PDB file of all heavy atoms in Angstrom:
ATOM      1  N   LEU A   1       0.905  -1.130  -0.015  1.00  0.00           N
ATOM      2  CA  LEU A   1      -0.018  -0.004  -0.004  1.00  0.00           C
ATOM      3  C   LEU A   1       0.942   1.248  -0.044  1.00  0.00           C
ATOM      4  O   LEU A   1       1.705   1.424   0.928  1.00  0.00           O
ATOM      5  CB  LEU A   1      -0.882   0.007   1.253  1.00  0.00           C
ATOM      6  CG  LEU A   1      -1.907   1.191   1.323  1.00  0.00           C
ATOM      7  CD1 LEU A   1      -2.967   1.037   0.255  1.00  0.00           C
ATOM      8  CD2 LEU A   1      -2.451   1.184   2.756  1.00  0.00           C
ATOM      9  N   TYR A   2       0.775   2.044  -1.025  1.00  0.00           N
ATOM     10  CA  TYR A   2       1.537   3.235  -1.163  1.00  0.00           C
ATOM     11  C   TYR A   2       0.640   4.437  -0.815  1.00  0.00           C
ATOM     12  O   TYR A   2      -0.484   4.555  -1.300  1.00  0.00           O
ATOM     13  CB  TYR A   2       2.060   3.506  -2.610  1.00  0.00           C
ATOM     14  CG  TYR A   2       2.999   2.456  -3.080  1.00  0.00           C
ATOM     15  CD1 TYR A   2       2.479   1.265  -3.757  1.00  0.00           C
ATOM     16  CD2 TYR A   2       4.385   2.471  -2.775  1.00  0.00           C
ATOM     17  CE1 TYR A   2       3.373   0.284  -4.181  1.00  0.00           C
ATOM     18  CE2 TYR A   2       5.183   1.485  -3.195  1.00  0.00           C
ATOM     19  CZ  TYR A   2       4.700   0.389  -3.892  1.00  0.00           C
ATOM     20  OH  TYR A   2       5.515  -0.647  -4.342  1.00  0.00           O
ATOM     21  N   VAL A   3       1.093   5.297   0.117  1.00  0.00           N
ATOM     22  CA  VAL A   3       0.315   6.375   0.659  1.00  0.00           C
ATOM     23  C   VAL A   3       1.098   7.656   0.567  1.00  0.00           C
ATOM     24  O   VAL A   3       2.245   7.802   0.978  1.00  0.00           O
ATOM     25  CB  VAL A   3      -0.036   6.105   2.154  1.00  0.00           C
ATOM     26  CG1 VAL A   3      -1.043   7.215   2.660  1.00  0.00           C
ATOM     27  CG2 VAL A   3      -0.761   4.750   2.287  1.00  0.00           C
ATOM     28  N   ALA A   4       0.376   8.802   0.176  1.00  0.00           N
ATOM     29  CA  ALA A   4       0.915  10.163   0.147  1.00  0.00           C
ATOM     30  C   ALA A   4      -0.008  10.980   0.976  1.00  0.00           C
ATOM     31  O   ALA A   4      -1.178  10.823   0.884  1.00  0.00           O
ATOM     32  CB  ALA A   4       1.075  10.680  -1.289  1.00  0.00           C
ATOM     33  N   ASN A   5       0.569  11.954   1.740  1.00  0.00           N
ATOM     34  CA  ASN A   5      -0.264  12.755   2.635  1.00  0.00           C
ATOM     35  C   ASN A   5       0.279  14.140   2.847  1.00  0.00           C
ATOM     36  O   ASN A   5       1.453  14.360   2.995  1.00  0.00           O
ATOM     37  CB  ASN A   5      -0.363  12.054   4.041  1.00  0.00           C
ATOM     38  CG  ASN A   5      -1.256  12.787   4.979  1.00  0.00           C
ATOM     39  OD1 ASN A   5      -2.435  12.851   4.636  1.00  0.00           O
ATOM     40  ND2 ASN A   5      -0.722  13.272   6.094  1.00  0.00           N
ATOM     41  N   ILE A   6      -0.684  15.120   2.815  1.00  0.00           N
ATOM     42  CA  ILE A   6      -0.390  16.509   3.177  1.00  0.00           C
ATOM     43  C   ILE A   6      -1.591  16.996   3.958  1.00  0.00           C
ATOM     44  O   ILE A   6      -2.700  16.895   3.513  1.00  0.00           O
ATOM     45  CB  ILE A   6      -0.275  17.388   1.925  1.00  0.00           C
ATOM     46  CG1 ILE A   6       0.794  16.867   0.953  1.00  0.00           C
ATOM     47  CG2 ILE A   6       0.056  18.810   2.370  1.00  0.00           C
ATOM     48  CD1 ILE A   6       0.190  16.127  -0.207  1.00  0.00           C
ATOM     49  N   GLY A   7      -1.345  17.438   5.171  1.00  0.00           N
ATOM     50  CA  GLY A   7      -2.486  17.964   6.026  1.00  0.00           C
ATOM     51  C   GLY A   7      -2.898  17.002   7.067  1.00  0.00           C
ATOM     52  O   GLY A   7      -2.095  16.106   7.475  1.00  0.00           O
ATOM     53  N   ASP A   8      -4.169  17.143   7.490  1.00  0.00           N
ATOM     54  CA  ASP A   8      -4.655  16.264   8.608  1.00  0.00           C
ATOM     55  C   ASP A   8      -5.761  15.255   8.178  1.00  0.00           C
ATOM     56  O   ASP A   8      -6.385  14.718   9.061  1.00  0.00           O
ATOM     57  CB  ASP A   8      -5.089  17.161   9.746  1.00  0.00           C
ATOM     58  CG  ASP A   8      -6.266  18.056   9.441  1.00  0.00           C
ATOM     59  OD1 ASP A   8      -6.636  18.052   8.267  1.00  0.00           O
ATOM     60  OD2 ASP A   8      -6.794  18.686  10.364  1.00  0.00           O
ATOM     61  N   SER A   9      -6.021  15.101   6.862  1.00  0.00           N
ATOM     62  CA  SER A   9      -6.830  14.011   6.483  1.00  0.00           C
ATOM     63  C   SER A   9      -6.039  12.741   6.659  1.00  0.00           C
ATOM     64  O   SER A   9      -4.824  12.770   6.586  1.00  0.00           O
ATOM     65  CB  SER A   9      -7.295  14.143   5.040  1.00  0.00           C
ATOM     66  OG  SER A   9      -8.204  15.214   4.890  1.00  0.00           O
ATOM     67  N   ARG A  10      -6.655  11.605   6.968  1.00  0.00           N
ATOM     68  CA  ARG A  10      -5.940  10.497   7.455  1.00  0.00           C
ATOM     69  C   ARG A  10      -6.199   9.154   6.695  1.00  0.00           C
ATOM     70  O   ARG A  10      -7.212   9.007   6.025  1.00  0.00           O
ATOM     71  CB  ARG A  10      -6.374  10.169   8.909  1.00  0.00           C
ATOM     72  CG  ARG A  10      -5.952  11.267   9.889  1.00  0.00           C
ATOM     73  CD  ARG A  10      -6.381  10.862  11.325  1.00  0.00           C
ATOM     74  NE  ARG A  10      -6.008  11.883  12.270  1.00  0.00           N
ATOM     75  CZ  ARG A  10      -6.232  11.828  13.585  1.00  0.00           C
ATOM     76  NH1 ARG A  10      -6.932  10.803  14.039  1.00  0.00           N
ATOM     77  NH2 ARG A  10      -5.821  12.772  14.385  1.00  0.00           N
ATOM     78  N   LEU A  11      -5.203   8.276   6.767  1.00  0.00           N
ATOM     79  CA  LEU A  11      -5.340   6.903   6.323  1.00  0.00           C
ATOM     80  C   LEU A  11      -5.048   5.982   7.502  1.00  0.00           C
ATOM     81  O   LEU A  11      -4.013   6.111   8.168  1.00  0.00           O
ATOM     82  CB  LEU A  11      -4.452   6.562   5.151  1.00  0.00           C
ATOM     83  CG  LEU A  11      -4.672   5.160   4.575  1.00  0.00           C
ATOM     84  CD1 LEU A  11      -4.512   5.185   3.036  1.00  0.00           C
ATOM     85  CD2 LEU A  11      -3.706   4.147   5.167  1.00  0.00           C
ATOM     86  N   TYR A  12      -5.968   5.054   7.821  1.00  0.00           N
ATOM     87  CA  TYR A  12      -5.811   4.031   8.804  1.00  0.00           C
ATOM     88  C   TYR A  12      -5.736   2.674   8.118  1.00  0.00           C
ATOM     89  O   TYR A  12      -6.322   2.445   7.065  1.00  0.00           O
ATOM     90  CB  TYR A  12      -6.977   3.974   9.738  1.00  0.00           C
ATOM     91  CG  TYR A  12      -7.247   5.230  10.561  1.00  0.00           C
ATOM     92  CD1 TYR A  12      -8.052   6.231  10.085  1.00  0.00           C
ATOM     93  CD2 TYR A  12      -6.716   5.344  11.899  1.00  0.00           C
ATOM     94  CE1 TYR A  12      -8.287   7.320  10.915  1.00  0.00           C
ATOM     95  CE2 TYR A  12      -6.973   6.390  12.723  1.00  0.00           C
ATOM     96  CZ  TYR A  12      -7.779   7.439  12.263  1.00  0.00           C
ATOM     97  OH  TYR A  12      -8.080   8.491  12.968  1.00  0.00           O
ATOM     98  N   LEU A  13      -5.012   1.681   8.820  1.00  0.00           N
ATOM     99  CA  LEU A  13      -5.070   0.319   8.360  1.00  0.00           C
ATOM    100  C   LEU A  13      -5.716  -0.488   9.514  1.00  0.00           C
ATOM    101  O   LEU A  13      -5.229  -0.451  10.625  1.00  0.00           O
ATOM    102  CB  LEU A  13      -3.621  -0.188   8.109  1.00  0.00           C
ATOM    103  CG  LEU A  13      -3.471  -1.598   7.534  1.00  0.00           C
ATOM    104  CD1 LEU A  13      -4.054  -1.624   6.105  1.00  0.00           C
ATOM    105  CD2 LEU A  13      -2.076  -2.026   7.466  1.00  0.00           C
ATOM    106  N   TYR A  14      -6.742  -1.212   9.086  1.00  0.00           N
ATOM    107  CA  TYR A  14      -7.424  -2.078  10.108  1.00  0.00           C
ATOM    108  C   TYR A  14      -6.952  -3.513   9.812  1.00  0.00           C
ATOM    109  O   TYR A  14      -7.053  -4.043   8.714  1.00  0.00           O
ATOM    110  CB  TYR A  14      -8.942  -2.008   9.904  1.00  0.00           C
ATOM    111  CG  TYR A  14      -9.669  -3.006  10.756  1.00  0.00           C
ATOM    112  CD1 TYR A  14     -10.026  -2.754  12.032  1.00  0.00           C
ATOM    113  CD2 TYR A  14     -10.148  -4.260  10.198  1.00  0.00           C
ATOM    114  CE1 TYR A  14     -10.728  -3.671  12.822  1.00  0.00           C
ATOM    115  CE2 TYR A  14     -10.825  -5.189  10.957  1.00  0.00           C
ATOM    116  CZ  TYR A  14     -11.123  -4.901  12.279  1.00  0.00           C
ATOM    117  OH  TYR A  14     -11.814  -5.734  13.041  1.00  0.00           O
ATOM    118  N   ARG A  15      -6.413  -4.144  10.940  1.00  0.00           N
ATOM    119  CA  ARG A  15      -5.954  -5.550  10.763  1.00  0.00           C
ATOM    120  C   ARG A  15      -6.128  -6.330  12.052  1.00  0.00           C
ATOM    121  O   ARG A  15      -5.701  -5.834  13.096  1.00  0.00           O
ATOM    122  CB  ARG A  15      -4.408  -5.529  10.396  1.00  0.00           C
ATOM    123  CG  ARG A  15      -3.819  -6.947  10.301  1.00  0.00           C
ATOM    124  CD  ARG A  15      -2.290  -6.830  10.019  1.00  0.00           C
ATOM    125  NE  ARG A  15      -2.142  -6.365   8.655  1.00  0.00           N
ATOM    126  CZ  ARG A  15      -0.966  -5.871   8.164  1.00  0.00           C
ATOM    127  NH1 ARG A  15       0.090  -5.821   9.005  1.00  0.00           N
ATOM    128  NH2 ARG A  15      -0.835  -5.519   6.908  1.00  0.00           N
ATOM    129  N   GLY A  16      -6.783  -7.468  11.907  1.00  0.00           N
ATOM    130  CA  GLY A  16      -6.923  -8.316  13.051  1.00  0.00           C
ATOM    131  C   GLY A  16      -7.516  -7.676  14.272  1.00  0.00           C
ATOM    132  O   GLY A  16      -7.085  -7.899  15.393  1.00  0.00           O
ATOM    133  N   GLY A  17      -8.551  -6.868  14.045  1.00  0.00           N
ATOM    134  CA  GLY A  17      -9.261  -6.247  15.228  1.00  0.00           C
ATOM    135  C   GLY A  17      -8.633  -4.967  15.721  1.00  0.00           C
ATOM    136  O   GLY A  17      -9.058  -4.371  16.693  1.00  0.00           O
ATOM    137  N   GLN A  18      -7.460  -4.494  15.061  1.00  0.00           N
ATOM    138  CA  GLN A  18      -6.743  -3.320  15.523  1.00  0.00           C
ATOM    139  C   GLN A  18      -6.734  -2.277  14.422  1.00  0.00           C
ATOM    140  O   GLN A  18      -6.585  -2.599  13.247  1.00  0.00           O
ATOM    141  CB  GLN A  18      -5.310  -3.631  15.844  1.00  0.00           C
ATOM    142  CG  GLN A  18      -5.228  -4.747  16.964  1.00  0.00           C
ATOM    143  CD  GLN A  18      -5.613  -4.223  18.283  1.00  0.00           C
ATOM    144  OE1 GLN A  18      -5.351  -3.067  18.642  1.00  0.00           O
ATOM    145  NE2 GLN A  18      -6.301  -5.036  19.088  1.00  0.00           N
ATOM    146  N   LEU A  19      -6.919  -1.025  14.787  1.00  0.00           N
ATOM    147  CA  LEU A  19      -6.845   0.082  13.892  1.00  0.00           C
ATOM    148  C   LEU A  19      -5.624   0.956  14.132  1.00  0.00           C
ATOM    149  O   LEU A  19      -5.417   1.315  15.223  1.00  0.00           O
ATOM    150  CB  LEU A  19      -8.118   0.982  14.057  1.00  0.00           C
ATOM    151  CG  LEU A  19      -8.358   2.063  12.977  1.00  0.00           C
ATOM    152  CD1 LEU A  19      -8.627   1.440  11.588  1.00  0.00           C
ATOM    153  CD2 LEU A  19      -9.527   2.999  13.431  1.00  0.00           C
ATOM    154  N   ARG A  20      -4.858   1.151  13.054  1.00  0.00           N
ATOM    155  CA  ARG A  20      -3.578   1.899  13.220  1.00  0.00           C
ATOM    156  C   ARG A  20      -3.554   3.022  12.214  1.00  0.00           C
ATOM    157  O   ARG A  20      -3.737   2.908  10.992  1.00  0.00           O
ATOM    158  CB  ARG A  20      -2.404   0.909  13.000  1.00  0.00           C
ATOM    159  CG  ARG A  20      -1.044   1.576  13.085  1.00  0.00           C
ATOM    160  CD  ARG A  20       0.035   0.517  13.231  1.00  0.00           C
ATOM    161  NE  ARG A  20      -0.044  -0.462  12.161  1.00  0.00           N
ATOM    162  CZ  ARG A  20       0.746  -0.473  11.061  1.00  0.00           C
ATOM    163  NH1 ARG A  20       1.553   0.519  10.878  1.00  0.00           N
ATOM    164  NH2 ARG A  20       0.689  -1.399  10.153  1.00  0.00           N
ATOM    165  N   GLN A  21      -3.239   4.264  12.724  1.00  0.00           N
ATOM    166  CA  GLN A  21      -3.107   5.390  11.840  1.00  0.00           C
ATOM    167  C   GLN A  21      -1.776   5.329  11.157  1.00  0.00           C
ATOM    168  O   GLN A  21      -0.722   5.246  11.780  1.00  0.00           O
ATOM    169  CB  GLN A  21      -3.224   6.668  12.612  1.00  0.00           C
ATOM    170  CG  GLN A  21      -3.197   7.938  11.743  1.00  0.00           C
ATOM    171  CD  GLN A  21      -3.308   9.237  12.508  1.00  0.00           C
ATOM    172  OE1 GLN A  21      -3.779   9.265  13.645  1.00  0.00           O
ATOM    173  NE2 GLN A  21      -2.864  10.330  11.884  1.00  0.00           N
ATOM    174  N   ILE A  22      -1.777   5.354   9.852  1.00  0.00           N
ATOM    175  CA  ILE A  22      -0.576   5.256   9.008  1.00  0.00           C
ATOM    176  C   ILE A  22      -0.004   6.618   8.763  1.00  0.00           C
ATOM    177  O   ILE A  22       1.170   6.878   8.934  1.00  0.00           O
ATOM    178  CB  ILE A  22      -0.844   4.561   7.699  1.00  0.00           C
ATOM    179  CG1 ILE A  22      -1.403   3.105   7.922  1.00  0.00           C
ATOM    180  CG2 ILE A  22       0.485   4.497   6.861  1.00  0.00           C
ATOM    181  CD1 ILE A  22      -0.504   2.226   8.745  1.00  0.00           C
ATOM    182  N   THR A  23      -0.826   7.584   8.396  1.00  0.00           N
ATOM    183  CA  THR A  23      -0.414   8.983   8.106  1.00  0.00           C
ATOM    184  C   THR A  23      -0.150   9.723   9.454  1.00  0.00           C
ATOM    185  O   THR A  23      -0.611   9.314  10.493  1.00  0.00           O
ATOM    186  CB  THR A  23      -1.482   9.735   7.306  1.00  0.00           C
ATOM    187  OG1 THR A  23      -2.747   9.656   7.984  1.00  0.00           O
ATOM    188  CG2 THR A  23      -1.623   9.131   5.945  1.00  0.00           C
ATOM    189  N   ARG A  24       0.619  10.760   9.301  1.00  0.00           N
ATOM    190  CA  ARG A  24       0.886  11.638  10.475  1.00  0.00           C
ATOM    191  C   ARG A  24       0.225  12.984  10.205  1.00  0.00           C
ATOM    192  O   ARG A  24       0.525  13.578   9.081  1.00  0.00           O
ATOM    193  CB  ARG A  24       2.353  11.839  10.726  1.00  0.00           C
ATOM    194  CG  ARG A  24       3.045  10.573  11.240  1.00  0.00           C
ATOM    195  CD  ARG A  24       4.443  10.907  11.752  1.00  0.00           C
ATOM    196  NE  ARG A  24       5.274  11.317  10.609  1.00  0.00           N
ATOM    197  CZ  ARG A  24       6.066  10.573   9.902  1.00  0.00           C
ATOM    198  NH1 ARG A  24       6.064   9.238  10.099  1.00  0.00           N
ATOM    199  NH2 ARG A  24       6.781  11.055   8.855  1.00  0.00           N
ATOM    200  N   ASP A  25      -0.498  13.562  11.052  1.00  0.00           N
ATOM    201  CA  ASP A  25      -1.239  14.855  10.905  1.00  0.00           C
ATOM    202  C   ASP A  25      -0.171  15.931  10.837  1.00  0.00           C
ATOM    203  O   ASP A  25       0.699  16.054  11.619  1.00  0.00           O
ATOM    204  CB  ASP A  25      -2.140  15.118  12.025  1.00  0.00           C
ATOM    205  CG  ASP A  25      -3.301  14.189  12.125  1.00  0.00           C
ATOM    206  OD1 ASP A  25      -3.441  13.362  11.176  1.00  0.00           O
ATOM    207  OD2 ASP A  25      -4.098  14.268  13.066  1.00  0.00           O
ATOM    208  N   HIS A  26      -0.326  16.824   9.859  1.00  0.00           N
ATOM    209  CA  HIS A  26       0.475  18.063   9.826  1.00  0.00           C
ATOM    210  C   HIS A  26      -0.444  19.139  10.410  1.00  0.00           C
ATOM    211  O   HIS A  26      -1.044  19.927   9.780  1.00  0.00           O
ATOM    212  CB  HIS A  26       0.770  18.442   8.304  1.00  0.00           C
ATOM    213  CG  HIS A  26       1.552  17.361   7.612  1.00  0.00           C
ATOM    214  ND1 HIS A  26       1.165  16.895   6.356  1.00  0.00           N
ATOM    215  CD2 HIS A  26       2.583  16.595   8.000  1.00  0.00           C
ATOM    216  CE1 HIS A  26       2.001  15.911   6.052  1.00  0.00           C
ATOM    217  NE2 HIS A  26       2.921  15.713   6.997  1.00  0.00           N
ATOM    218  N   SER A  27      -0.351  19.162  11.757  1.00  0.00           N
ATOM    219  CA  SER A  27      -1.212  20.128  12.542  1.00  0.00           C
ATOM    220  C   SER A  27      -0.391  20.704  13.623  1.00  0.00           C
ATOM    221  O   SER A  27       0.589  20.106  14.169  1.00  0.00           O
ATOM    222  CB  SER A  27      -2.413  19.381  13.097  1.00  0.00           C
ATOM    223  OG  SER A  27      -2.016  18.413  13.951  1.00  0.00           O
ATOM    224  N   TYR A  28      -0.767  21.885  14.110  1.00  0.00           N
ATOM    225  CA  TYR A  28      -0.119  22.541  15.201  1.00  0.00           C
ATOM    226  C   TYR A  28      -0.072  21.730  16.397  1.00  0.00           C
ATOM    227  O   TYR A  28       0.958  21.567  17.069  1.00  0.00           O
ATOM    228  CB  TYR A  28      -0.902  23.888  15.481  1.00  0.00           C
ATOM    229  CG  TYR A  28      -0.396  24.469  16.779  1.00  0.00           C
ATOM    230  CD1 TYR A  28       0.707  25.275  16.822  1.00  0.00           C
ATOM    231  CD2 TYR A  28      -1.268  24.454  17.937  1.00  0.00           C
ATOM    232  CE1 TYR A  28       1.134  25.859  18.046  1.00  0.00           C
ATOM    233  CE2 TYR A  28      -0.856  25.010  19.084  1.00  0.00           C
ATOM    234  CZ  TYR A  28       0.322  25.725  19.136  1.00  0.00           C
ATOM    235  OH  TYR A  28       0.787  26.342  20.281  1.00  0.00           O
ATOM    236  N   VAL A  29      -1.197  21.078  16.752  1.00  0.00           N
ATOM    237  CA  VAL A  29      -1.261  20.254  18.033  1.00  0.00           C
ATOM    238  C   VAL A  29      -0.370  19.070  17.991  1.00  0.00           C
ATOM    239  O   VAL A  29       0.267  18.680  19.011  1.00  0.00           O
ATOM    240  CB  VAL A  29      -2.680  19.807  18.346  1.00  0.00           C
ATOM    241  CG1 VAL A  29      -3.535  21.094  18.723  1.00  0.00           C
ATOM    242  CG2 VAL A  29      -3.379  19.021  17.229  1.00  0.00           C
ATOM    243  N   GLU A  30      -0.271  18.426  16.858  1.00  0.00           N
ATOM    244  CA  GLU A  30       0.616  17.221  16.738  1.00  0.00           C
ATOM    245  C   GLU A  30       2.092  17.638  16.826  1.00  0.00           C
ATOM    246  O   GLU A  30       2.896  16.918  17.374  1.00  0.00           O
ATOM    247  CB  GLU A  30       0.348  16.442  15.458  1.00  0.00           C
ATOM    248  CG  GLU A  30      -0.922  15.604  15.505  1.00  0.00           C
ATOM    249  CD  GLU A  30      -0.900  14.569  16.645  1.00  0.00           C
ATOM    250  OE1 GLU A  30       0.106  13.969  16.865  1.00  0.00           O
ATOM    251  OE2 GLU A  30      -1.935  14.370  17.234  1.00  0.00           O
ATOM    252  N   GLU A  31       2.422  18.807  16.298  1.00  0.00           N
ATOM    253  CA  GLU A  31       3.806  19.242  16.419  1.00  0.00           C
ATOM    254  C   GLU A  31       4.117  19.574  17.916  1.00  0.00           C
ATOM    255  O   GLU A  31       5.210  19.280  18.342  1.00  0.00           O
ATOM    256  CB  GLU A  31       3.950  20.524  15.580  1.00  0.00           C
ATOM    257  CG  GLU A  31       3.958  20.276  14.081  1.00  0.00           C
ATOM    258  CD  GLU A  31       4.322  21.501  13.301  1.00  0.00           C
ATOM    259  OE1 GLU A  31       4.581  22.575  13.865  1.00  0.00           O
ATOM    260  OE2 GLU A  31       4.359  21.379  12.021  1.00  0.00           O
ATOM    261  N   MET A  32       3.134  20.130  18.600  1.00  0.00           N
ATOM    262  CA  MET A  32       3.316  20.354  20.037  1.00  0.00           C
ATOM    263  C   MET A  32       3.459  19.134  20.864  1.00  0.00           C
ATOM    264  O   MET A  32       4.261  19.007  21.750  1.00  0.00           O
ATOM    265  CB  MET A  32       2.156  21.239  20.562  1.00  0.00           C
ATOM    266  CG  MET A  32       2.084  22.650  20.042  1.00  0.00           C
ATOM    267  SD  MET A  32       3.530  23.666  20.506  1.00  0.00           S
ATOM    268  CE  MET A  32       4.454  23.609  18.968  1.00  0.00           C
ATOM    269  N   VAL A  33       2.660  18.087  20.517  1.00  0.00           N
ATOM    270  CA  VAL A  33       2.783  16.835  21.158  1.00  0.00           C
ATOM    271  C   VAL A  33       4.089  16.217  20.929  1.00  0.00           C
ATOM    272  O   VAL A  33       4.734  15.641  21.857  1.00  0.00           O
ATOM    273  CB  VAL A  33       1.635  15.852  20.658  1.00  0.00           C
ATOM    274  CG1 VAL A  33       1.894  14.445  21.090  1.00  0.00           C
ATOM    275  CG2 VAL A  33       0.272  16.284  21.139  1.00  0.00           C
ATOM    276  N   ALA A  34       4.579  16.333  19.688  1.00  0.00           N
ATOM    277  CA  ALA A  34       5.904  15.683  19.312  1.00  0.00           C
ATOM    278  C   ALA A  34       7.057  16.351  20.127  1.00  0.00           C
ATOM    279  O   ALA A  34       8.037  15.749  20.406  1.00  0.00           O
ATOM    280  CB  ALA A  34       6.209  15.803  17.796  1.00  0.00           C
ATOM    281  N   LYS A  35       6.863  17.671  20.424  1.00  0.00           N
ATOM    282  CA  LYS A  35       7.889  18.416  21.158  1.00  0.00           C
ATOM    283  C   LYS A  35       7.699  18.275  22.657  1.00  0.00           C
ATOM    284  O   LYS A  35       8.485  18.807  23.489  1.00  0.00           O
ATOM    285  CB  LYS A  35       7.822  19.913  20.862  1.00  0.00           C
ATOM    286  CG  LYS A  35       8.214  20.257  19.371  1.00  0.00           C
ATOM    287  CD  LYS A  35       7.943  21.731  19.116  1.00  0.00           C
ATOM    288  CE  LYS A  35       8.335  22.080  17.679  1.00  0.00           C
ATOM    289  NZ  LYS A  35       8.061  23.465  17.380  1.00  0.00           N
ATOM    290  N   GLY A  36       6.686  17.557  23.098  1.00  0.00           N
ATOM    291  CA  GLY A  36       6.467  17.332  24.523  1.00  0.00           C
ATOM    292  C   GLY A  36       5.793  18.556  25.212  1.00  0.00           C
ATOM    293  O   GLY A  36       5.811  18.689  26.397  1.00  0.00           O
ATOM    294  N   GLN A  37       5.209  19.486  24.419  1.00  0.00           N
ATOM    295  CA  GLN A  37       4.641  20.697  24.904  1.00  0.00           C
ATOM    296  C   GLN A  37       3.159  20.706  25.019  1.00  0.00           C
ATOM    297  O   GLN A  37       2.492  21.710  25.415  1.00  0.00           O
ATOM    298  CB  GLN A  37       5.089  21.927  24.021  1.00  0.00           C
ATOM    299  CG  GLN A  37       6.605  22.065  24.052  1.00  0.00           C
ATOM    300  CD  GLN A  37       7.083  23.238  23.145  1.00  0.00           C
ATOM    301  OE1 GLN A  37       6.257  23.986  22.626  1.00  0.00           O
ATOM    302  NE2 GLN A  37       8.370  23.281  22.881  1.00  0.00           N
ATOM    303  N   MET A  38       2.549  19.531  24.786  1.00  0.00           N
ATOM    304  CA  MET A  38       1.061  19.418  24.780  1.00  0.00           C
ATOM    305  C   MET A  38       0.669  17.995  24.858  1.00  0.00           C
ATOM    306  O   MET A  38       1.377  17.142  24.344  1.00  0.00           O
ATOM    307  CB  MET A  38       0.442  20.078  23.547  1.00  0.00           C
ATOM    308  CG  MET A  38      -1.100  20.075  23.587  1.00  0.00           C
ATOM    309  SD  MET A  38      -1.800  20.892  22.077  1.00  0.00           S
ATOM    310  CE  MET A  38      -1.367  22.616  22.252  1.00  0.00           C
ATOM    311  N   GLU A  39      -0.342  17.716  25.638  1.00  0.00           N
ATOM    312  CA  GLU A  39      -0.859  16.335  25.736  1.00  0.00           C
ATOM    313  C   GLU A  39      -1.953  16.108  24.733  1.00  0.00           C
ATOM    314  O   GLU A  39      -2.877  16.944  24.627  1.00  0.00           O
ATOM    315  CB  GLU A  39      -1.408  16.077  27.176  1.00  0.00           C
ATOM    316  CG  GLU A  39      -0.274  15.961  28.234  1.00  0.00           C
ATOM    317  CD  GLU A  39      -0.821  15.519  29.571  1.00  0.00           C
ATOM    318  OE1 GLU A  39      -1.941  15.004  29.610  1.00  0.00           O
ATOM    319  OE2 GLU A  39      -0.188  15.806  30.533  1.00  0.00           O
ATOM    320  N   ARG A  40      -1.847  14.986  24.077  1.00  0.00           N
ATOM    321  CA  ARG A  40      -2.919  14.628  23.080  1.00  0.00           C
ATOM    322  C   ARG A  40      -4.263  14.512  23.822  1.00  0.00           C
ATOM    323  O   ARG A  40      -4.345  13.903  24.873  1.00  0.00           O
ATOM    324  CB  ARG A  40      -2.553  13.391  22.339  1.00  0.00           C
ATOM    325  CG  ARG A  40      -3.452  13.059  21.196  1.00  0.00           C
ATOM    326  CD  ARG A  40      -3.089  11.820  20.399  1.00  0.00           C
ATOM    327  NE  ARG A  40      -1.971  12.190  19.483  1.00  0.00           N
ATOM    328  CZ  ARG A  40      -0.698  11.752  19.637  1.00  0.00           C
ATOM    329  NH1 ARG A  40      -0.412  10.888  20.670  1.00  0.00           N
ATOM    330  NH2 ARG A  40       0.195  12.089  18.836  1.00  0.00           N
ATOM    331  N   ASN A  41      -5.320  15.062  23.236  1.00  0.00           N
ATOM    332  CA  ASN A  41      -6.660  15.036  23.666  1.00  0.00           C
ATOM    333  C   ASN A  41      -6.892  15.917  24.948  1.00  0.00           C
ATOM    334  O   ASN A  41      -7.955  15.811  25.579  1.00  0.00           O
ATOM    335  CB  ASN A  41      -7.126  13.600  23.970  1.00  0.00           C
ATOM    336  CG  ASN A  41      -7.238  12.861  22.680  1.00  0.00           C
ATOM    337  OD1 ASN A  41      -7.643  13.331  21.664  1.00  0.00           O
ATOM    338  ND2 ASN A  41      -6.929  11.539  22.798  1.00  0.00           N
ATOM    339  N   SER A  42      -5.929  16.768  25.267  1.00  0.00           N
ATOM    340  CA  SER A  42      -6.144  17.757  26.371  1.00  0.00           C
ATOM    341  C   SER A  42      -7.048  18.788  25.904  1.00  0.00           C
ATOM    342  O   SER A  42      -7.404  18.897  24.686  1.00  0.00           O
ATOM    343  CB  SER A  42      -4.788  18.345  26.825  1.00  0.00           C
ATOM    344  OG  SER A  42      -4.244  19.115  25.683  1.00  0.00           O
ATOM    345  N   THR A  43      -7.498  19.716  26.817  1.00  0.00           N
ATOM    346  CA  THR A  43      -8.329  20.767  26.496  1.00  0.00           C
ATOM    347  C   THR A  43      -7.737  21.681  25.402  1.00  0.00           C
ATOM    348  O   THR A  43      -8.278  22.121  24.404  1.00  0.00           O
ATOM    349  CB  THR A  43      -8.700  21.635  27.727  1.00  0.00           C
ATOM    350  OG1 THR A  43      -9.358  20.855  28.639  1.00  0.00           O
ATOM    351  CG2 THR A  43      -9.668  22.761  27.275  1.00  0.00           C
TER     352      THR A  43
END
């Protein structure tokens, strides 16, 4: 499966009862999470 991504639309792969996000969001909040400056799903 070849995937290309720009932005925060997503592609997931569902396998054996598990859902895994393949793409990475290009968003302010995800950048902050990656830097350890914000918690995912916080207010």
